[in-house]
Amino acid sequence: MQARHILLKTKYLVPTIMQALQLGGDFAQLAREHSACPSSKNGGDWGKLDQQALPENILQALNEASIGEVVGPIESRHGLHILKLEG
């Protein structure tokens, strides 16, 4: 399983980012501009995920998503995640 994500420390950017994505915005570019995760420099690319290491709510959301689908925001101890299942 591979995914990209945008990590936000505040809920205030969620509507802006979700709207941009719904209007066809580039997920990788939005991750570079807004994500608080070090993966932002790679467009939010998490690479191949170790499913055992993911929080249960994030793993469940990714397992229920279709490839290319954006899901979120999903809360974790790190903040709010907007996810895109890549494969």
Foldseek 3Di string as FASTA:
>chain_A
DWKFKAFAADPVCVVVVVVCVVVPHDQLQCNLVHGPDPCNVVSRTPDDDDLVPDDPVVSVVLVPDDAQDWDDQDDDPRHTMIMHHHD
